[in-house]
PDB file of N, CA and C in Angstrom:
ATOM      1  N   MET A   1     -14.452  49.458 -18.728  1.00  0.00           N
ATOM      2  CA  MET A   1     -14.049  49.337 -17.343  1.00  0.00           C
ATOM      3  C   MET A   1     -13.708  47.868 -17.071  1.00  0.00           C
ATOM      4  N   THR A   2     -12.593  47.640 -16.391  1.00  0.00           N
ATOM      5  CA  THR A   2     -12.199  46.264 -16.088  1.00  0.00           C
ATOM      6  C   THR A   2     -12.727  45.861 -14.724  1.00  0.00           C
ATOM      7  N   LYS A   3     -13.009  44.610 -14.631  1.00  0.00           N
ATOM      8  CA  LYS A   3     -13.544  44.078 -13.388  1.00  0.00           C
ATOM      9  C   LYS A   3     -12.428  43.323 -12.663  1.00  0.00           C
ATOM     10  N   THR A   4     -12.193  43.673 -11.421  1.00  0.00           N
ATOM     11  CA  THR A   4     -11.169  42.968 -10.661  1.00  0.00           C
ATOM     12  C   THR A   4     -11.836  41.995  -9.700  1.00  0.00           C
ATOM     13  N   THR A   5     -11.221  40.866  -9.567  1.00  0.00           N
ATOM     14  CA  THR A   5     -11.744  39.871  -8.642  1.00  0.00           C
ATOM     15  C   THR A   5     -10.692  39.600  -7.581  1.00  0.00           C
ATOM     16  N   THR A   6     -11.143  39.335  -6.386  1.00  0.00           N
ATOM     17  CA  THR A   6     -10.214  38.984  -5.321  1.00  0.00           C
ATOM     18  C   THR A   6     -10.341  37.496  -5.047  1.00  0.00           C
ATOM     19  N   HIS A   7      -9.222  36.882  -4.809  1.00  0.00           N
ATOM     20  CA  HIS A   7      -9.185  35.455  -4.527  1.00  0.00           C
ATOM     21  C   HIS A   7      -8.733  35.252  -3.081  1.00  0.00           C
ATOM     22  N   ASN A   8      -9.346  34.289  -2.444  1.00  0.00           N
ATOM     23  CA  ASN A   8      -8.919  33.948  -1.099  1.00  0.00           C
ATOM     24  C   ASN A   8      -7.582  33.222  -1.184  1.00  0.00           C
ATOM     25  N   PRO A   9      -6.674  33.496  -0.256  1.00  0.00           N
ATOM     26  CA  PRO A   9      -5.387  32.795  -0.292  1.00  0.00           C
ATOM     27  C   PRO A   9      -5.577  31.291  -0.037  1.00  0.00           C
ATOM     28  N   ILE A  10      -4.750  30.512  -0.671  1.00  0.00           N
ATOM     29  CA  ILE A  10      -4.817  29.055  -0.505  1.00  0.00           C
ATOM     30  C   ILE A  10      -4.116  28.693   0.796  1.00  0.00           C
ATOM     31  N   THR A  11      -4.766  27.863   1.596  1.00  0.00           N
ATOM     32  CA  THR A  11      -4.210  27.477   2.887  1.00  0.00           C
ATOM     33  C   THR A  11      -3.500  26.125   2.786  1.00  0.00           C
ATOM     34  N   LYS A  12      -2.675  25.834   3.781  1.00  0.00           N
ATOM     35  CA  LYS A  12      -2.000  24.537   3.821  1.00  0.00           C
ATOM     36  C   LYS A  12      -3.014  23.407   3.928  1.00  0.00           C
ATOM     37  N   THR A  13      -4.097  23.655   4.655  1.00  0.00           N
ATOM     38  CA  THR A  13      -5.141  22.641   4.796  1.00  0.00           C
ATOM     39  C   THR A  13      -5.726  22.284   3.436  1.00  0.00           C
ATOM     40  N   GLN A  14      -5.954  23.282   2.607  1.00  0.00           N
ATOM     41  CA  GLN A  14      -6.494  23.031   1.271  1.00  0.00           C
ATOM     42  C   GLN A  14      -5.502  22.252   0.409  1.00  0.00           C
ATOM     43  N   ILE A  15      -4.226  22.564   0.545  1.00  0.00           N
ATOM     44  CA  ILE A  15      -3.207  21.848  -0.222  1.00  0.00           C
ATOM     45  C   ILE A  15      -3.136  20.393   0.225  1.00  0.00           C
ATOM     46  N   TYR A  16      -3.125  20.164   1.558  1.00  0.00           N
ATOM     47  CA  TYR A  16      -3.112  18.797   2.077  1.00  0.00           C
ATOM     48  C   TYR A  16      -4.309  18.015   1.547  1.00  0.00           C
ATOM     49  N   ARG A  17      -5.488  18.631   1.571  1.00  0.00           N
ATOM     50  CA  ARG A  17      -6.709  17.945   1.118  1.00  0.00           C
ATOM     51  C   ARG A  17      -6.637  17.629  -0.368  1.00  0.00           C
ATOM     52  N   ALA A  18      -6.133  18.559  -1.166  1.00  0.00           N
ATOM     53  CA  ALA A  18      -6.043  18.332  -2.613  1.00  0.00           C
ATOM     54  C   ALA A  18      -5.064  17.204  -2.932  1.00  0.00           C
ATOM     55  N   VAL A  19      -3.910  17.219  -2.285  1.00  0.00           N
ATOM     56  CA  VAL A  19      -2.911  16.173  -2.520  1.00  0.00           C
ATOM     57  C   VAL A  19      -3.441  14.832  -2.024  1.00  0.00           C
ATOM     58  N   ALA A  20      -4.051  14.845  -0.839  1.00  0.00           N
ATOM     59  CA  ALA A  20      -4.569  13.596  -0.262  1.00  0.00           C
ATOM     60  C   ALA A  20      -5.679  13.003  -1.114  1.00  0.00           C
ATOM     61  N   SER A  21      -6.585  13.840  -1.600  1.00  0.00           N
ATOM     62  CA  SER A  21      -7.690  13.301  -2.395  1.00  0.00           C
ATOM     63  C   SER A  21      -7.199  12.773  -3.733  1.00  0.00           C
ATOM     64  N   SER A  22      -6.240  13.446  -4.335  1.00  0.00           N
ATOM     65  CA  SER A  22      -5.671  12.959  -5.595  1.00  0.00           C
ATOM     66  C   SER A  22      -4.964  11.631  -5.385  1.00  0.00           C
ATOM     67  N   THR A  23      -4.177  11.549  -4.312  1.00  0.00           N
ATOM     68  CA  THR A  23      -3.463  10.313  -4.007  1.00  0.00           C
ATOM     69  C   THR A  23      -4.437   9.191  -3.660  1.00  0.00           C
ATOM     70  N   ALA A  24      -5.509   9.528  -2.955  1.00  0.00           N
ATOM     71  CA  ALA A  24      -6.512   8.529  -2.574  1.00  0.00           C
ATOM     72  C   ALA A  24      -7.170   7.920  -3.809  1.00  0.00           C
ATOM     73  N   ILE A  25      -7.433   8.740  -4.788  1.00  0.00           N
ATOM     74  CA  ILE A  25      -8.033   8.236  -6.028  1.00  0.00           C
ATOM     75  C   ILE A  25      -7.086   7.259  -6.714  1.00  0.00           C
ATOM     76  N   GLU A  26      -5.794   7.599  -6.725  1.00  0.00           N
ATOM     77  CA  GLU A  26      -4.812   6.754  -7.403  1.00  0.00           C
ATOM     78  C   GLU A  26      -4.520   5.466  -6.642  1.00  0.00           C
ATOM     79  N   THR A  27      -4.522   5.531  -5.296  1.00  0.00           N
ATOM     80  CA  THR A  27      -4.085   4.381  -4.498  1.00  0.00           C
ATOM     81  C   THR A  27      -5.231   3.576  -3.899  1.00  0.00           C
ATOM     82  N   GLY A  28      -6.405   4.173  -3.786  1.00  0.00           N
ATOM     83  CA  GLY A  28      -7.530   3.498  -3.164  1.00  0.00           C
ATOM     84  C   GLY A  28      -7.559   3.632  -1.653  1.00  0.00           C
ATOM     85  N   ALA A  29      -6.619   4.378  -1.082  1.00  0.00           N
ATOM     86  CA  ALA A  29      -6.593   4.622   0.358  1.00  0.00           C
ATOM     87  C   ALA A  29      -7.583   5.737   0.693  1.00  0.00           C
ATOM     88  N   THR A  30      -7.874   5.905   1.984  1.00  0.00           N
ATOM     89  CA  THR A  30      -8.803   6.963   2.381  1.00  0.00           C
ATOM     90  C   THR A  30      -8.081   8.305   2.430  1.00  0.00           C
ATOM     91  N   VAL A  31      -8.829   9.364   2.188  1.00  0.00           N
ATOM     92  CA  VAL A  31      -8.277  10.716   2.215  1.00  0.00           C
ATOM     93  C   VAL A  31      -7.744  11.032   3.615  1.00  0.00           C
ATOM     94  N   GLN A  32      -8.474  10.645   4.648  1.00  0.00           N
ATOM     95  CA  GLN A  32      -8.057  10.936   6.013  1.00  0.00           C
ATOM     96  C   GLN A  32      -6.720  10.277   6.343  1.00  0.00           C
ATOM     97  N   LYS A  33      -6.546   9.040   5.918  1.00  0.00           N
ATOM     98  CA  LYS A  33      -5.301   8.327   6.198  1.00  0.00           C
ATOM     99  C   LYS A  33      -4.122   9.015   5.507  1.00  0.00           C
ATOM    100  N   ILE A  34      -4.309   9.423   4.281  1.00  0.00           N
ATOM    101  CA  ILE A  34      -3.230  10.069   3.539  1.00  0.00           C
ATOM    102  C   ILE A  34      -2.922  11.438   4.131  1.00  0.00           C
ATOM    103  N   GLU A  35      -3.949  12.180   4.546  1.00  0.00           N
ATOM    104  CA  GLU A  35      -3.716  13.470   5.197  1.00  0.00           C
ATOM    105  C   GLU A  35      -2.885  13.298   6.464  1.00  0.00           C
ATOM    106  N   GLN A  36      -3.188  12.277   7.246  1.00  0.00           N
ATOM    107  CA  GLN A  36      -2.421  12.011   8.459  1.00  0.00           C
ATOM    108  C   GLN A  36      -0.968  11.697   8.124  1.00  0.00           C
ATOM    109  N   GLN A  37      -0.750  10.904   7.076  1.00  0.00           N
ATOM    110  CA  GLN A  37       0.614  10.578   6.668  1.00  0.00           C
ATOM    111  C   GLN A  37       1.368  11.828   6.224  1.00  0.00           C
ATOM    112  N   LEU A  38       0.708  12.694   5.474  1.00  0.00           N
ATOM    113  CA  LEU A  38       1.347  13.930   5.022  1.00  0.00           C
ATOM    114  C   LEU A  38       1.754  14.803   6.202  1.00  0.00           C
ATOM    115  N   LYS A  39       0.863  14.944   7.170  1.00  0.00           N
ATOM    116  CA  LYS A  39       1.157  15.772   8.330  1.00  0.00           C
ATOM    117  C   LYS A  39       2.268  15.157   9.182  1.00  0.00           C
ATOM    118  N   ARG A  40       2.255  13.832   9.316  1.00  0.00           N
ATOM    119  CA  ARG A  40       3.293  13.142  10.082  1.00  0.00           C
ATOM    120  C   ARG A  40       4.650  13.315   9.388  1.00  0.00           C
ATOM    121  N   ASN A  41       4.674  13.164   8.069  1.00  0.00           N
ATOM    122  CA  ASN A  41       5.921  13.325   7.324  1.00  0.00           C
ATOM    123  C   ASN A  41       6.429  14.758   7.410  1.00  0.00           C
ATOM    124  N   GLN A  42       5.523  15.723   7.413  1.00  0.00           N
ATOM    125  CA  GLN A  42       5.913  17.127   7.534  1.00  0.00           C
ATOM    126  C   GLN A  42       6.561  17.367   8.889  1.00  0.00           C
ATOM    127  N   ALA A  43       6.001  16.804   9.940  1.00  0.00           N
ATOM    128  CA  ALA A  43       6.553  16.970  11.276  1.00  0.00           C
ATOM    129  C   ALA A  43       7.937  16.325  11.361  1.00  0.00           C
ATOM    130  N   GLN A  44       8.110  15.168  10.747  1.00  0.00           N
ATOM    131  CA  GLN A  44       9.401  14.501  10.751  1.00  0.00           C
ATOM    132  C   GLN A  44      10.430  15.302   9.952  1.00  0.00           C
ATOM    133  N   ALA A  45      10.019  15.891   8.858  1.00  0.00           N
ATOM    134  CA  ALA A  45      10.935  16.669   8.028  1.00  0.00           C
ATOM    135  C   ALA A  45      11.419  17.915   8.762  1.00  0.00           C
ATOM    136  N   LYS A  46      10.584  18.514   9.583  1.00  0.00           N
ATOM    137  CA  LYS A  46      10.983  19.692  10.354  1.00  0.00           C
ATOM    138  C   LYS A  46      12.047  19.345  11.388  1.00  0.00           C
ATOM    139  N   ALA A  47      12.034  18.091  11.856  1.00  0.00           N
ATOM    140  CA  ALA A  47      12.970  17.657  12.870  1.00  0.00           C
ATOM    141  C   ALA A  47      14.374  17.405  12.300  1.00  0.00           C
ATOM    142  N   VAL A  48      14.476  17.283  10.991  1.00  0.00           N
ATOM    143  CA  VAL A  48      15.768  17.010  10.363  1.00  0.00           C
ATOM    144  C   VAL A  48      16.497  18.337  10.151  1.00  0.00           C
ATOM    145  N   GLY A  49      17.720  18.401  10.624  1.00  0.00           N
ATOM    146  CA  GLY A  49      18.522  19.613  10.436  1.00  0.00           C
ATOM    147  C   GLY A  49      19.227  19.592   9.106  1.00  0.00           C
ATOM    148  N   LEU A  50      19.485  20.755   8.577  1.00  0.00           N
ATOM    149  CA  LEU A  50      20.191  20.859   7.314  1.00  0.00           C
ATOM    150  C   LEU A  50      21.698  20.839   7.562  1.00  0.00           C
ATOM    151  N   ALA A  51      22.434  20.240   6.635  1.00  0.00           N
ATOM    152  CA  ALA A  51      23.895  20.214   6.733  1.00  0.00           C
ATOM    153  C   ALA A  51      24.425  21.618   6.457  1.00  0.00           C
ATOM    154  N   ARG A  52      25.443  21.970   7.194  1.00  0.00           N
ATOM    155  CA  ARG A  52      26.020  23.322   6.983  1.00  0.00           C
ATOM    156  C   ARG A  52      27.462  23.238   6.645  1.00  0.00           C
TER     157      ARG A  52
END
């Protein structure tokens, strides 16, 4: 009999935290500061329209 496992879906918050913590280790900046930068950049990217 095989055993099936269910995984919780990965959230954007978890992705932001993983990227921020990895970047913080490499740069020496705080995780919170990098998370804020990521969210700010995401908001700015949404404001840019695509060329058609």
